[in-house]
Amino acid sequence: MIFGDMGNMMKMARDMQKKLKEVKKDLEKATYEISSDGITVKVSGDMEIREIKGNQGKSGDDIKNAVNKALKTAKDDASKKMKGVTGGLGLPGMF
């Protein structure tokens, strides 16, 4: 009986791995846009900055805050999607 359970667990692990790869691909394609204090930031779901637009004269802090808000939005969505696959398990190396 133990080997049957082990085989089922291995299948579940492979299925989860496949779903995680699909979510990762989706996140790479996703774009999150945030506007804050006259600055618009676009980031991808895999936390890459795609674009920053803003009025000249904005401070470094304004830009940093806008980028951080955009990255937090992307990270929160990625975590939500990963939890849907992992059932809430905290897996190392995941967003």
N, C-alpha and C. Protein backbone atom coordinates (compact mmCIF):
# COMPACT_ATOMS: atom_id res chain seq x y z
N MET A 1 0.81 -1.20 0.00
CA MET A 1 0.00 0.00 0.00
C MET A 1 0.85 1.27 0.00
N ILE A 2 2.00 1.23 0.63
CA ILE A 2 2.85 2.42 0.72
C ILE A 2 3.31 2.86 -0.66
N PHE A 3 3.67 1.90 -1.51
CA PHE A 3 4.16 2.27 -2.84
C PHE A 3 3.07 2.89 -3.69
N GLY A 4 1.84 2.44 -3.52
CA GLY A 4 0.72 3.04 -4.25
C GLY A 4 0.52 4.49 -3.85
N ASP A 5 0.61 4.77 -2.56
CA ASP A 5 0.49 6.14 -2.07
C ASP A 5 1.65 6.99 -2.58
N MET A 6 2.84 6.40 -2.61
CA MET A 6 4.01 7.12 -3.08
C MET A 6 3.86 7.50 -4.55
N GLY A 7 3.35 6.57 -5.34
CA GLY A 7 3.13 6.84 -6.76
C GLY A 7 2.12 7.97 -6.95
N ASN A 8 1.08 7.97 -6.14
CA ASN A 8 0.07 9.02 -6.22
C ASN A 8 0.68 10.38 -5.82
N MET A 9 1.51 10.37 -4.78
CA MET A 9 2.17 11.61 -4.35
C MET A 9 3.11 12.14 -5.43
N MET A 10 3.82 11.25 -6.10
CA MET A 10 4.73 11.67 -7.18
C MET A 10 3.95 12.29 -8.33
N LYS A 11 2.80 11.70 -8.65
CA LYS A 11 1.95 12.24 -9.72
C LYS A 11 1.45 13.63 -9.33
N MET A 12 1.03 13.78 -8.08
CA MET A 12 0.56 15.07 -7.61
C MET A 12 1.68 16.12 -7.67
N ALA A 13 2.89 15.71 -7.31
CA ALA A 13 4.03 16.62 -7.36
C ALA A 13 4.34 17.05 -8.80
N ARG A 14 4.27 16.11 -9.73
CA ARG A 14 4.51 16.43 -11.15
C ARG A 14 3.42 17.38 -11.66
N ASP A 15 2.18 17.11 -11.29
CA ASP A 15 1.08 17.98 -11.70
C ASP A 15 1.26 19.40 -11.16
N MET A 16 1.66 19.50 -9.89
CA MET A 16 1.88 20.80 -9.27
C MET A 16 3.02 21.54 -9.97
N GLN A 17 4.07 20.81 -10.28
CA GLN A 17 5.21 21.42 -10.96
C GLN A 17 4.80 21.96 -12.33
N LYS A 18 3.98 21.20 -13.05
CA LYS A 18 3.49 21.64 -14.36
C LYS A 18 2.65 22.91 -14.22
N LYS A 19 1.77 22.93 -13.22
CA LYS A 19 0.92 24.11 -13.01
C LYS A 19 1.75 25.32 -12.60
N LEU A 20 2.78 25.10 -11.79
CA LEU A 20 3.65 26.21 -11.39
C LEU A 20 4.37 26.81 -12.59
N LYS A 21 4.80 25.96 -13.52
CA LYS A 21 5.46 26.46 -14.73
C LYS A 21 4.49 27.28 -15.56
N GLU A 22 3.23 26.84 -15.63
CA GLU A 22 2.22 27.58 -16.38
C GLU A 22 1.95 28.94 -15.75
N VAL A 23 1.87 28.97 -14.43
CA VAL A 23 1.65 30.24 -13.73
C VAL A 23 2.84 31.16 -13.96
N LYS A 24 4.04 30.63 -13.91
CA LYS A 24 5.24 31.44 -14.13
C LYS A 24 5.23 32.06 -15.53
N LYS A 25 4.85 31.27 -16.54
CA LYS A 25 4.77 31.79 -17.91
C LYS A 25 3.73 32.90 -17.99
N ASP A 26 2.59 32.69 -17.34
CA ASP A 26 1.54 33.72 -17.33
C ASP A 26 2.03 34.99 -16.67
N LEU A 27 2.76 34.85 -15.58
CA LEU A 27 3.27 36.02 -14.88
C LEU A 27 4.30 36.78 -15.71
N GLU A 28 5.11 36.07 -16.47
CA GLU A 28 6.09 36.73 -17.33
C GLU A 28 5.40 37.61 -18.37
N LYS A 29 4.21 37.22 -18.80
CA LYS A 29 3.46 37.96 -19.81
C LYS A 29 2.62 39.08 -19.20
N ALA A 30 2.30 38.98 -17.91
CA ALA A 30 1.43 39.94 -17.25
C ALA A 30 2.12 41.29 -17.09
N THR A 31 1.33 42.36 -17.18
CA THR A 31 1.83 43.71 -16.94
C THR A 31 0.96 44.38 -15.89
N TYR A 32 1.61 45.01 -14.94
CA TYR A 32 0.93 45.74 -13.88
C TYR A 32 1.32 47.20 -14.00
N GLU A 33 0.33 48.07 -14.06
CA GLU A 33 0.57 49.50 -14.22
C GLU A 33 0.03 50.24 -13.00
N ILE A 34 0.87 51.05 -12.41
CA ILE A 34 0.51 51.84 -11.24
C ILE A 34 0.88 53.29 -11.51
N SER A 35 -0.04 54.19 -11.16
CA SER A 35 0.25 55.62 -11.23
C SER A 35 0.26 56.17 -9.81
N SER A 36 1.29 56.91 -9.49
CA SER A 36 1.44 57.46 -8.15
C SER A 36 2.21 58.77 -8.23
N ASP A 37 1.64 59.83 -7.69
CA ASP A 37 2.31 61.14 -7.63
C ASP A 37 2.83 61.59 -9.00
N GLY A 38 2.04 61.39 -10.03
CA GLY A 38 2.42 61.85 -11.36
C GLY A 38 3.41 60.95 -12.09
N ILE A 39 3.65 59.77 -11.56
CA ILE A 39 4.58 58.83 -12.17
C ILE A 39 3.81 57.55 -12.48
N THR A 40 4.00 57.04 -13.69
CA THR A 40 3.38 55.78 -14.08
C THR A 40 4.48 54.75 -14.26
N VAL A 41 4.28 53.60 -13.61
CA VAL A 41 5.26 52.52 -13.67
C VAL A 41 4.56 51.26 -14.17
N LYS A 42 5.20 50.59 -15.13
CA LYS A 42 4.72 49.28 -15.60
C LYS A 42 5.78 48.25 -15.25
N VAL A 43 5.32 47.16 -14.60
CA VAL A 43 6.21 46.06 -14.29
C VAL A 43 5.57 44.76 -14.76
N SER A 44 6.41 43.76 -14.95
CA SER A 44 5.90 42.45 -15.34
C SER A 44 5.64 41.62 -14.09
N GLY A 45 4.93 40.53 -14.28
CA GLY A 45 4.63 39.64 -13.17
C GLY A 45 5.86 38.94 -12.62
N ASP A 46 6.95 38.95 -13.39
CA ASP A 46 8.19 38.36 -12.87
C ASP A 46 9.13 39.45 -12.37
N MET A 47 8.53 40.59 -11.98
CA MET A 47 9.19 41.69 -11.27
C MET A 47 10.24 42.45 -12.07
N GLU A 48 10.04 42.54 -13.37
CA GLU A 48 10.92 43.34 -14.22
C GLU A 48 10.24 44.67 -14.52
N ILE A 49 10.98 45.76 -14.39
CA ILE A 49 10.44 47.07 -14.73
C ILE A 49 10.40 47.17 -16.25
N ARG A 50 9.22 47.50 -16.78
CA ARG A 50 9.07 47.61 -18.23
C ARG A 50 9.09 49.07 -18.69
N GLU A 51 8.56 49.95 -17.86
CA GLU A 51 8.47 51.36 -18.28
C GLU A 51 8.25 52.25 -17.07
N ILE A 52 8.86 53.43 -17.11
CA ILE A 52 8.63 54.46 -16.11
C ILE A 52 8.40 55.77 -16.86
N LYS A 53 7.26 56.41 -16.58
CA LYS A 53 6.95 57.70 -17.18
C LYS A 53 6.62 58.67 -16.06
N GLY A 54 7.01 59.92 -16.25
CA GLY A 54 6.66 60.91 -15.24
C GLY A 54 7.05 62.29 -15.67
N ASN A 55 6.55 63.23 -14.92
CA ASN A 55 6.89 64.62 -15.16
C ASN A 55 8.32 64.88 -14.71
N GLN A 56 8.99 65.72 -15.46
CA GLN A 56 10.33 66.09 -15.03
C GLN A 56 10.23 66.82 -13.71
N GLY A 57 11.23 66.70 -12.92
CA GLY A 57 11.25 67.38 -11.64
C GLY A 57 10.76 66.52 -10.49
N LYS A 58 10.35 65.30 -10.78
CA LYS A 58 9.94 64.41 -9.70
C LYS A 58 11.18 63.94 -8.96
N SER A 59 11.04 63.76 -7.66
CA SER A 59 12.18 63.36 -6.85
C SER A 59 12.45 61.87 -6.98
N GLY A 60 13.62 61.49 -6.59
CA GLY A 60 13.98 60.08 -6.56
C GLY A 60 13.05 59.30 -5.64
N ASP A 61 12.63 59.92 -4.55
CA ASP A 61 11.70 59.26 -3.63
C ASP A 61 10.36 58.99 -4.29
N ASP A 62 9.86 59.95 -5.09
CA ASP A 62 8.59 59.76 -5.79
C ASP A 62 8.69 58.58 -6.75
N ILE A 63 9.80 58.49 -7.47
CA ILE A 63 10.00 57.40 -8.42
C ILE A 63 10.12 56.08 -7.68
N LYS A 64 10.91 56.06 -6.62
CA LYS A 64 11.08 54.84 -5.82
C LYS A 64 9.75 54.37 -5.27
N ASN A 65 8.93 55.28 -4.75
CA ASN A 65 7.63 54.90 -4.19
C ASN A 65 6.71 54.32 -5.26
N ALA A 66 6.71 54.91 -6.43
CA ALA A 66 5.86 54.41 -7.51
C ALA A 66 6.32 53.02 -7.96
N VAL A 67 7.62 52.83 -8.09
CA VAL A 67 8.16 51.52 -8.48
C VAL A 67 7.83 50.48 -7.42
N ASN A 68 8.01 50.83 -6.16
CA ASN A 68 7.70 49.88 -5.09
C ASN A 68 6.23 49.50 -5.06
N LYS A 69 5.34 50.45 -5.31
CA LYS A 69 3.91 50.14 -5.35
C LYS A 69 3.59 49.18 -6.50
N ALA A 70 4.19 49.43 -7.65
CA ALA A 70 3.96 48.55 -8.81
C ALA A 70 4.50 47.14 -8.54
N LEU A 71 5.69 47.05 -7.98
CA LEU A 71 6.27 45.74 -7.68
C LEU A 71 5.46 45.00 -6.61
N LYS A 72 4.93 45.73 -5.63
CA LYS A 72 4.11 45.09 -4.60
C LYS A 72 2.82 44.54 -5.21
N THR A 73 2.22 45.28 -6.12
CA THR A 73 1.01 44.81 -6.79
C THR A 73 1.30 43.52 -7.56
N ALA A 74 2.40 43.52 -8.30
CA ALA A 74 2.78 42.32 -9.06
C ALA A 74 3.08 41.15 -8.14
N LYS A 75 3.80 41.41 -7.06
CA LYS A 75 4.16 40.35 -6.12
C LYS A 75 2.93 39.78 -5.42
N ASP A 76 2.01 40.64 -5.02
CA ASP A 76 0.79 40.17 -4.36
C ASP A 76 -0.03 39.29 -5.30
N ASP A 77 -0.13 39.69 -6.57
CA ASP A 77 -0.88 38.88 -7.53
C ASP A 77 -0.18 37.54 -7.78
N ALA A 78 1.15 37.57 -7.88
CA ALA A 78 1.91 36.33 -8.08
C ALA A 78 1.72 35.39 -6.90
N SER A 79 1.76 35.93 -5.69
CA SER A 79 1.55 35.09 -4.50
C SER A 79 0.16 34.47 -4.50
N LYS A 80 -0.82 35.25 -4.87
CA LYS A 80 -2.20 34.75 -4.93
C LYS A 80 -2.32 33.61 -5.94
N LYS A 81 -1.70 33.78 -7.08
CA LYS A 81 -1.76 32.74 -8.12
C LYS A 81 -1.01 31.49 -7.69
N MET A 82 0.12 31.66 -7.04
CA MET A 82 0.90 30.51 -6.57
C MET A 82 0.15 29.74 -5.48
N LYS A 83 -0.51 30.47 -4.58
CA LYS A 83 -1.28 29.81 -3.53
C LYS A 83 -2.39 28.96 -4.13
N GLY A 84 -2.95 29.42 -5.25
CA GLY A 84 -3.98 28.64 -5.91
C GLY A 84 -3.46 27.30 -6.40
N VAL A 85 -2.20 27.23 -6.73
CA VAL A 85 -1.59 26.00 -7.23
C VAL A 85 -1.10 25.15 -6.08
N THR A 86 -0.48 25.77 -5.10
CA THR A 86 0.17 25.03 -4.01
C THR A 86 -0.75 24.75 -2.82
N GLY A 87 -1.96 25.28 -2.87
CA GLY A 87 -2.87 25.09 -1.76
C GLY A 87 -2.42 25.82 -0.51
N GLY A 88 -1.65 26.90 -0.67
CA GLY A 88 -1.20 27.68 0.47
C GLY A 88 0.11 27.24 1.06
N LEU A 89 0.73 26.20 0.51
CA LEU A 89 2.04 25.76 1.02
C LEU A 89 3.07 26.83 0.71
N GLY A 90 3.88 27.17 1.68
CA GLY A 90 4.95 28.12 1.45
C GLY A 90 6.16 27.39 0.87
N LEU A 91 6.34 27.49 -0.44
CA LEU A 91 7.46 26.81 -1.07
C LEU A 91 8.62 27.78 -1.26
N PRO A 92 9.82 27.38 -0.86
CA PRO A 92 10.98 28.25 -0.99
C PRO A 92 11.22 28.65 -2.45
N GLY A 93 11.64 29.89 -2.64
CA GLY A 93 11.96 30.36 -3.96
C GLY A 93 10.77 30.87 -4.75
N MET A 94 9.59 30.77 -4.18
CA MET A 94 8.41 31.30 -4.85
C MET A 94 8.16 32.69 -4.33
N PHE A 95 7.53 33.52 -5.12
CA PHE A 95 7.29 34.92 -4.77
C PHE A 95 6.80 34.97 -3.39
